[in-house]
Amino acid sequence: LIGADQDTFTGLNFHYLPPKFRAILLDRVNAKVGRGIINWKKISKIPQVAPTVKKYRFDQIMRKVIPIEENEQEIAIFLPLERFRKASKTSVWSDSKRKFG
C-alpha cells in the first residue's frame, strides 16, 4: 500500500509483470527500501516499479484484498492470481515488459 483516501488506494501490483520480472523487481525494491513499510520516496526512484503502480477504487474491488507479510512476498509474487478485465495476461505482461526497461 502506497497511499489511500476515502474512495481509493494506490499500491504495487506485481502481477502486472511476468513472474521472472516480479522477482527482479522485488529484489530491487528490497535492496532500495529494505524491510518494513514501503517508502514511496525511495521506491519511486526505481524505474521498473512504474508498470506495477495501480490505483483502485474500493467500490470496484470484488475480492478481499489480502496484505502480504514480508516473509510471504517471495511466495506471493509467483502465485497465479492475475486476472485482467480488458486484456489477456500475455498482452498486459508484454506492455509491462516494455515499460520495465
C-alpha atoms as a PDB file:
ATOM      1  CA  LEU A   1       0.000   0.000   0.000  1.00  0.00           C
ATOM      2  CA  ILE A   2       1.430   3.319  -1.063  1.00  0.00           C
ATOM      3  CA  GLY A   3      -1.451   5.588  -0.197  1.00  0.00           C
ATOM      4  CA  ALA A   4      -5.188   5.814   0.310  1.00  0.00           C
ATOM      5  CA  ASP A   5      -8.027   8.260   0.563  1.00  0.00           C
ATOM      6  CA  GLN A   6     -11.725   7.819   1.256  1.00  0.00           C
ATOM      7  CA  ASP A   7     -12.567   6.214  -2.113  1.00  0.00           C
ATOM      8  CA  THR A   8      -9.310   4.780  -3.479  1.00  0.00           C
ATOM      9  CA  PHE A   9      -5.997   3.208  -2.611  1.00  0.00           C
ATOM     10  CA  THR A  10      -2.718   3.008  -4.513  1.00  0.00           C
ATOM     11  CA  GLY A  11      -0.369   0.078  -4.312  1.00  0.00           C
ATOM     12  CA  LEU A  12       2.095  -2.101  -6.168  1.00  0.00           C
ATOM     13  CA  ASN A  13       0.542  -4.951  -8.134  1.00  0.00           C
ATOM     14  CA  PHE A  14       3.402  -7.228  -9.142  1.00  0.00           C
ATOM     15  CA  HIS A  15       1.031  -9.406 -11.160  1.00  0.00           C
ATOM     16  CA  TYR A  16       1.178  -6.862 -13.988  1.00  0.00           C
ATOM     17  CA  LEU A  17       4.643  -8.319 -14.633  1.00  0.00           C
ATOM     18  CA  PRO A  18       5.559 -11.840 -15.765  1.00  0.00           C
ATOM     19  CA  PRO A  19       6.939 -13.980 -12.901  1.00  0.00           C
ATOM     20  CA  LYS A  20      10.636 -13.543 -13.758  1.00  0.00           C
ATOM     21  CA  PHE A  21      10.287  -9.751 -13.775  1.00  0.00           C
ATOM     22  CA  ARG A  22       8.357  -9.837 -10.471  1.00  0.00           C
ATOM     23  CA  ALA A  23      11.343 -11.493  -8.795  1.00  0.00           C
ATOM     24  CA  ILE A  24      13.765  -8.967 -10.283  1.00  0.00           C
ATOM     25  CA  LEU A  25      11.628  -6.055  -9.126  1.00  0.00           C
ATOM     26  CA  LEU A  26      11.107  -7.471  -5.633  1.00  0.00           C
ATOM     27  CA  ASP A  27      14.888  -7.794  -5.261  1.00  0.00           C
ATOM     28  CA  ARG A  28      15.343  -4.173  -6.374  1.00  0.00           C
ATOM     29  CA  VAL A  29      12.621  -2.909  -4.042  1.00  0.00           C
ATOM     30  CA  ASN A  30      14.092  -4.789  -1.082  1.00  0.00           C
ATOM     31  CA  ALA A  31      17.589  -3.526  -1.923  1.00  0.00           C
ATOM     32  CA  LYS A  32      16.384   0.082  -2.152  1.00  0.00           C
ATOM     33  CA  VAL A  33      13.892   0.149   0.700  1.00  0.00           C
ATOM     34  CA  GLY A  34      14.964  -2.740   2.883  1.00  0.00           C
ATOM     35  CA  ARG A  35      12.406  -4.486   5.029  1.00  0.00           C
ATOM     36  CA  GLY A  36       9.418  -2.824   6.616  1.00  0.00           C
ATOM     37  CA  ILE A  37       6.985  -0.230   5.370  1.00  0.00           C
ATOM     38  CA  ILE A  38       7.422   0.828   1.756  1.00  0.00           C
ATOM     39  CA  ASN A  39       8.607   4.399   1.466  1.00  0.00           C
ATOM     40  CA  TRP A  40       7.243   5.924  -1.760  1.00  0.00           C
ATOM     41  CA  LYS A  41      10.032   8.494  -1.884  1.00  0.00           C
ATOM     42  CA  LYS A  42      12.614   5.694  -2.159  1.00  0.00           C
ATOM     43  CA  ILE A  43      10.617   3.249  -4.269  1.00  0.00           C
ATOM     44  CA  SER A  44       9.655   5.889  -6.851  1.00  0.00           C
ATOM     45  CA  LYS A  45      13.342   6.088  -7.801  1.00  0.00           C
ATOM     46  CA  ILE A  46      13.210   2.531  -9.164  1.00  0.00           C
ATOM     47  CA  PRO A  47      12.167   2.969 -12.829  1.00  0.00           C
ATOM     48  CA  GLN A  48      10.935  -0.621 -13.144  1.00  0.00           C
ATOM     49  CA  VAL A  49       8.266  -0.047 -10.492  1.00  0.00           C
ATOM     50  CA  ALA A  50       6.170   2.081 -12.909  1.00  0.00           C
ATOM     51  CA  PRO A  51       4.100  -0.715 -14.519  1.00  0.00           C
ATOM     52  CA  THR A  52       3.088  -2.041 -11.090  1.00  0.00           C
ATOM     53  CA  VAL A  53       1.749   1.181  -9.553  1.00  0.00           C
ATOM     54  CA  LYS A  54      -2.030   0.904  -9.662  1.00  0.00           C
ATOM     55  CA  LYS A  55      -4.886   2.897  -8.178  1.00  0.00           C
ATOM     56  CA  TYR A  56      -8.064   1.067  -7.227  1.00  0.00           C
ATOM     57  CA  ARG A  57     -11.491   2.245  -6.156  1.00  0.00           C
ATOM     58  CA  PHE A  58     -12.776   0.499  -3.050  1.00  0.00           C
ATOM     59  CA  ASP A  59     -16.243   0.108  -4.594  1.00  0.00           C
ATOM     60  CA  GLN A  60     -14.747  -1.731  -7.597  1.00  0.00           C
ATOM     61  CA  ILE A  61     -12.905  -4.384  -5.584  1.00  0.00           C
ATOM     62  CA  MET A  62     -14.729  -7.701  -5.960  1.00  0.00           C
ATOM     63  CA  ARG A  63     -12.403  -9.851  -3.883  1.00  0.00           C
ATOM     64  CA  LYS A  64     -10.902  -9.453  -0.469  1.00  0.00           C
ATOM     65  CA  VAL A  65      -7.612  -7.553  -0.517  1.00  0.00           C
ATOM     66  CA  ILE A  66      -5.049  -9.502   1.470  1.00  0.00           C
ATOM     67  CA  PRO A  67      -1.968  -7.726   2.819  1.00  0.00           C
ATOM     68  CA  ILE A  68       1.189  -9.708   2.101  1.00  0.00           C
ATOM     69  CA  GLU A  69       3.530 -10.226   5.041  1.00  0.00           C
ATOM     70  CA  GLU A  70       7.232  -9.680   4.381  1.00  0.00           C
ATOM     71  CA  ASN A  71       8.083 -13.346   4.857  1.00  0.00           C
ATOM     72  CA  GLU A  72       5.435 -14.309   2.270  1.00  0.00           C
ATOM     73  CA  GLN A  73       6.395 -11.881  -0.505  1.00  0.00           C
ATOM     74  CA  GLU A  74       8.593 -14.269  -2.464  1.00  0.00           C
ATOM     75  CA  ILE A  75       5.836 -16.882  -2.492  1.00  0.00           C
ATOM     76  CA  ALA A  76       3.029 -14.422  -3.254  1.00  0.00           C
ATOM     77  CA  ILE A  77       4.670 -12.932  -6.346  1.00  0.00           C
ATOM     78  CA  PHE A  78       4.638 -16.337  -8.031  1.00  0.00           C
ATOM     79  CA  LEU A  79       1.013 -17.229  -7.290  1.00  0.00           C
ATOM     80  CA  PRO A  80      -1.092 -17.250 -10.493  1.00  0.00           C
ATOM     81  CA  LEU A  81      -3.611 -14.688  -9.243  1.00  0.00           C
ATOM     82  CA  GLU A  82      -3.587 -12.258 -12.145  1.00  0.00           C
ATOM     83  CA  ARG A  83      -6.983 -11.597 -13.694  1.00  0.00           C
ATOM     84  CA  PHE A  84      -7.361  -8.747 -16.118  1.00  0.00           C
ATOM     85  CA  ARG A  85     -10.697  -7.494 -17.407  1.00  0.00           C
ATOM     86  CA  LYS A  86      -9.864  -5.854 -20.710  1.00  0.00           C
ATOM     87  CA  ALA A  87      -6.802  -7.742 -21.929  1.00  0.00           C
ATOM     88  CA  SER A  88      -5.115 -11.117 -21.712  1.00  0.00           C
ATOM     89  CA  LYS A  89      -2.258 -11.599 -19.273  1.00  0.00           C
ATOM     90  CA  THR A  90       0.075 -12.078 -22.252  1.00  0.00           C
ATOM     91  CA  SER A  91      -0.876  -8.657 -23.580  1.00  0.00           C
ATOM     92  CA  VAL A  92      -0.605  -6.986 -20.158  1.00  0.00           C
ATOM     93  CA  TRP A  93       2.767  -8.608 -19.472  1.00  0.00           C
ATOM     94  CA  SER A  94       4.100  -7.619 -22.898  1.00  0.00           C
ATOM     95  CA  ASP A  95       3.115  -3.991 -22.303  1.00  0.00           C
ATOM     96  CA  SER A  96       4.635  -4.036 -18.806  1.00  0.00           C
ATOM     97  CA  LYS A  97       7.898  -5.557 -20.067  1.00  0.00           C
ATOM     98  CA  ARG A  98       8.266  -2.626 -22.484  1.00  0.00           C
ATOM     99  CA  LYS A  99       7.868  -0.206 -19.554  1.00  0.00           C
ATOM    100  CA  PHE A 100      10.177  -2.274 -17.351  1.00  0.00           C
ATOM    101  CA  GLY A 101      13.251  -1.332 -19.345  1.00  0.00           C
END
